[in-house]
Amino acid sequence: MPKKRKNRGRHKGDKGKESVVYCDNCGRRVPRSKAVRVTVPYSPVPGDLAKDLEKQGALITRYYVTKTYCVNCAIYMGILKVRSETERKVERKPSPKVPTVPRTTSQPQGSQQSNASQSGVQKQ
């Protein structure tokens, strides 16, 4: 029988049975590897009030809340998109959440001195 997705819609592979988690939207029981997890910042203070308080010098903390959704709720809320039949077989890697900054390559100190001596400039 053909498979709709290469990983059968789960991340567990051949590990056997898993524990279940509950969807935070509808309460459905979902296997842990199949559930969609979303981490969002949460502030207990409304946005307009937070701006006024920050202008006055108050420090408002933001908490990160991890929500767990079933696949149906994630599609309904726009977290997941329905893919075509050919794209379902392709495994997509999640994009990095923090943009990576390229590091500047710095030469070791010994190589800088050798470059200076090769160019004819000597350090005193």
C-alpha atoms as a PDB file:
ATOM      1  CA  MET A   1       0.000   0.000   0.000  1.00  0.00           C
ATOM      2  CA  PRO A   2       1.467   3.401  -0.920  1.00  0.00           C
ATOM      3  CA  LYS A   3       2.479   5.821   1.773  1.00  0.00           C
ATOM      4  CA  LYS A   4       1.226   9.380   1.660  1.00  0.00           C
ATOM      5  CA  ARG A   5       4.381  10.727   3.319  1.00  0.00           C
ATOM      6  CA  LYS A   6       7.890   9.322   3.542  1.00  0.00           C
ATOM      7  CA  ASN A   7       8.039   9.658   7.340  1.00  0.00           C
ATOM      8  CA  ARG A   8       4.342   8.755   7.829  1.00  0.00           C
ATOM      9  CA  GLY A   9       3.774  12.207   9.323  1.00  0.00           C
ATOM     10  CA  ARG A  10       5.932  11.525  12.376  1.00  0.00           C
ATOM     11  CA  HIS A  11       9.480  12.068  13.583  1.00  0.00           C
ATOM     12  CA  LYS A  12       9.971   8.901  15.586  1.00  0.00           C
ATOM     13  CA  GLY A  13      11.255   6.543  12.877  1.00  0.00           C
ATOM     14  CA  ASP A  14      11.383   2.934  14.161  1.00  0.00           C
ATOM     15  CA  LYS A  15      11.336   3.742  17.877  1.00  0.00           C
ATOM     16  CA  GLY A  16       8.015   2.110  18.699  1.00  0.00           C
ATOM     17  CA  LYS A  17       5.143   3.549  20.705  1.00  0.00           C
ATOM     18  CA  GLU A  18       5.395   7.060  22.134  1.00  0.00           C
ATOM     19  CA  SER A  19       3.675   9.051  24.825  1.00  0.00           C
ATOM     20  CA  VAL A  20       0.821  11.330  23.847  1.00  0.00           C
ATOM     21  CA  VAL A  21       0.339  15.048  24.407  1.00  0.00           C
ATOM     22  CA  TYR A  22      -2.836  17.095  24.308  1.00  0.00           C
ATOM     23  CA  CYS A  23      -3.556  19.768  21.722  1.00  0.00           C
ATOM     24  CA  ASP A  24      -3.759  23.195  23.386  1.00  0.00           C
ATOM     25  CA  ASN A  25      -6.540  24.262  21.022  1.00  0.00           C
ATOM     26  CA  CYS A  26      -8.990  21.357  20.793  1.00  0.00           C
ATOM     27  CA  GLY A  27      -7.752  18.892  23.431  1.00  0.00           C
ATOM     28  CA  ARG A  28      -7.103  16.014  21.022  1.00  0.00           C
ATOM     29  CA  ARG A  29      -4.546  13.396  22.064  1.00  0.00           C
ATOM     30  CA  VAL A  30      -1.631  13.433  19.614  1.00  0.00           C
ATOM     31  CA  PRO A  31       1.573  11.338  19.586  1.00  0.00           C
ATOM     32  CA  ARG A  32       4.500  13.432  20.797  1.00  0.00           C
ATOM     33  CA  SER A  33       6.412  13.120  17.507  1.00  0.00           C
ATOM     34  CA  LYS A  34       3.396  14.127  15.416  1.00  0.00           C
ATOM     35  CA  ALA A  35       2.417  17.195  17.423  1.00  0.00           C
ATOM     36  CA  VAL A  36       3.346  20.656  16.149  1.00  0.00           C
ATOM     37  CA  ARG A  37       5.181  22.740  18.737  1.00  0.00           C
ATOM     38  CA  VAL A  38       5.232  26.531  18.497  1.00  0.00           C
ATOM     39  CA  THR A  39       7.192  28.770  20.864  1.00  0.00           C
ATOM     40  CA  VAL A  40       5.899  32.335  21.040  1.00  0.00           C
ATOM     41  CA  PRO A  41       6.800  35.279  23.283  1.00  0.00           C
ATOM     42  CA  TYR A  42       4.078  36.230  25.753  1.00  0.00           C
ATOM     43  CA  SER A  43       3.796  39.452  27.710  1.00  0.00           C
ATOM     44  CA  PRO A  44       1.277  39.749  30.572  1.00  0.00           C
ATOM     45  CA  VAL A  45       0.949  43.503  29.855  1.00  0.00           C
ATOM     46  CA  PRO A  46      -0.948  44.773  26.777  1.00  0.00           C
ATOM     47  CA  GLY A  47       1.192  46.323  24.044  1.00  0.00           C
ATOM     48  CA  ASP A  48       0.067  49.964  24.303  1.00  0.00           C
ATOM     49  CA  LEU A  49       0.419  49.957  28.089  1.00  0.00           C
ATOM     50  CA  ALA A  50       3.827  48.288  27.804  1.00  0.00           C
ATOM     51  CA  LYS A  51       5.105  51.093  25.542  1.00  0.00           C
ATOM     52  CA  ASP A  52       3.988  53.750  28.032  1.00  0.00           C
ATOM     53  CA  LEU A  53       5.587  51.913  30.942  1.00  0.00           C
ATOM     54  CA  GLU A  54       8.855  51.405  29.048  1.00  0.00           C
ATOM     55  CA  LYS A  55       9.007  55.142  28.284  1.00  0.00           C
ATOM     56  CA  GLN A  56       8.797  55.774  32.030  1.00  0.00           C
ATOM     57  CA  GLY A  57      11.665  53.359  32.625  1.00  0.00           C
ATOM     58  CA  ALA A  58       9.861  50.197  33.714  1.00  0.00           C
ATOM     59  CA  LEU A  59      11.313  46.841  32.717  1.00  0.00           C
ATOM     60  CA  ILE A  60       8.668  44.467  31.374  1.00  0.00           C
ATOM     61  CA  THR A  61       9.617  40.833  31.080  1.00  0.00           C
ATOM     62  CA  ARG A  62       8.398  38.631  28.267  1.00  0.00           C
ATOM     63  CA  TYR A  63       7.942  34.919  28.714  1.00  0.00           C
ATOM     64  CA  TYR A  64       8.323  32.254  26.062  1.00  0.00           C
ATOM     65  CA  VAL A  65       5.355  29.903  25.959  1.00  0.00           C
ATOM     66  CA  THR A  66       5.461  26.613  24.045  1.00  0.00           C
ATOM     67  CA  LYS A  67       2.114  25.576  22.604  1.00  0.00           C
ATOM     68  CA  THR A  68       1.407  22.099  21.245  1.00  0.00           C
ATOM     69  CA  TYR A  69      -1.122  21.641  18.450  1.00  0.00           C
ATOM     70  CA  CYS A  70      -2.511  18.710  16.497  1.00  0.00           C
ATOM     71  CA  VAL A  71      -2.019  18.778  12.720  1.00  0.00           C
ATOM     72  CA  ASN A  72      -5.630  19.813  12.030  1.00  0.00           C
ATOM     73  CA  CYS A  73      -5.461  22.827  14.345  1.00  0.00           C
ATOM     74  CA  ALA A  74      -2.019  23.813  13.045  1.00  0.00           C
ATOM     75  CA  ILE A  75      -3.348  23.866   9.468  1.00  0.00           C
ATOM     76  CA  TYR A  76      -6.484  25.751  10.527  1.00  0.00           C
ATOM     77  CA  MET A  77      -4.432  28.381  12.385  1.00  0.00           C
ATOM     78  CA  GLY A  78      -2.015  28.815   9.452  1.00  0.00           C
ATOM     79  CA  ILE A  79       1.052  27.363  11.190  1.00  0.00           C
ATOM     80  CA  LEU A  80       1.327  24.544   8.629  1.00  0.00           C
ATOM     81  CA  LYS A  81       0.493  24.727   4.940  1.00  0.00           C
ATOM     82  CA  VAL A  82      -1.009  21.922   2.867  1.00  0.00           C
ATOM     83  CA  ARG A  83       1.644  20.695   0.409  1.00  0.00           C
ATOM     84  CA  SER A  84       1.175  19.085  -2.989  1.00  0.00           C
ATOM     85  CA  GLU A  85       1.628  15.332  -3.481  1.00  0.00           C
ATOM     86  CA  THR A  86       5.190  15.619  -4.775  1.00  0.00           C
ATOM     87  CA  GLU A  87       6.259  17.980  -1.976  1.00  0.00           C
ATOM     88  CA  ARG A  88       4.906  15.666   0.733  1.00  0.00           C
ATOM     89  CA  LYS A  89       7.657  13.159   0.022  1.00  0.00           C
ATOM     90  CA  VAL A  90      10.374  15.807   0.430  1.00  0.00           C
ATOM     91  CA  GLU A  91      11.676  16.216   3.950  1.00  0.00           C
ATOM     92  CA  ARG A  92      12.100  19.905   4.808  1.00  0.00           C
ATOM     93  CA  LYS A  93      14.573  21.070   7.426  1.00  0.00           C
ATOM     94  CA  PRO A  94      13.272  23.778   9.773  1.00  0.00           C
ATOM     95  CA  SER A  95      14.733  27.200   9.134  1.00  0.00           C
ATOM     96  CA  PRO A  96      17.008  28.587  11.848  1.00  0.00           C
ATOM     97  CA  LYS A  97      15.169  30.908  14.216  1.00  0.00           C
ATOM     98  CA  VAL A  98      18.207  33.063  14.961  1.00  0.00           C
ATOM     99  CA  PRO A  99      19.963  34.547  11.940  1.00  0.00           C
ATOM    100  CA  THR A 100      23.562  33.455  11.799  1.00  0.00           C
ATOM    101  CA  VAL A 101      26.218  36.154  11.575  1.00  0.00           C
ATOM    102  CA  PRO A 102      29.293  35.257   9.515  1.00  0.00           C
ATOM    103  CA  ARG A 103      32.430  35.316  11.604  1.00  0.00           C
ATOM    104  CA  THR A 104      35.371  37.370  10.489  1.00  0.00           C
ATOM    105  CA  THR A 105      38.401  35.240   9.878  1.00  0.00           C
ATOM    106  CA  SER A 106      41.315  36.453  11.924  1.00  0.00           C
ATOM    107  CA  GLN A 107      44.827  35.262  11.258  1.00  0.00           C
ATOM    108  CA  PRO A 108      46.959  33.942  14.103  1.00  0.00           C
ATOM    109  CA  GLN A 109      49.553  36.394  15.373  1.00  0.00           C
ATOM    110  CA  GLY A 110      52.460  34.350  14.029  1.00  0.00           C
ATOM    111  CA  SER A 111      51.158  34.538  10.481  1.00  0.00           C
ATOM    112  CA  GLN A 112      50.710  38.326  10.694  1.00  0.00           C
ATOM    113  CA  GLN A 113      54.359  38.776  11.617  1.00  0.00           C
ATOM    114  CA  SER A 114      55.516  36.538   8.811  1.00  0.00           C
ATOM    115  CA  ASN A 115      53.386  38.496   6.320  1.00  0.00           C
ATOM    116  CA  ALA A 116      54.896  41.771   7.561  1.00  0.00           C
ATOM    117  CA  SER A 117      58.452  40.459   7.228  1.00  0.00           C
ATOM    118  CA  GLN A 118      57.756  39.185   3.718  1.00  0.00           C
ATOM    119  CA  SER A 119      56.557  42.602   2.585  1.00  0.00           C
ATOM    120  CA  GLY A 120      59.750  44.231   3.812  1.00  0.00           C
ATOM    121  CA  VAL A 121      58.212  46.065   6.795  1.00  0.00           C
ATOM    122  CA  GLN A 122      59.781  45.255  10.137  1.00  0.00           C
ATOM    123  CA  LYS A 123      58.221  45.872  13.542  1.00  0.00           C
ATOM    124  CA  GLN A 124      60.280  47.696  16.137  1.00  0.00           C
END
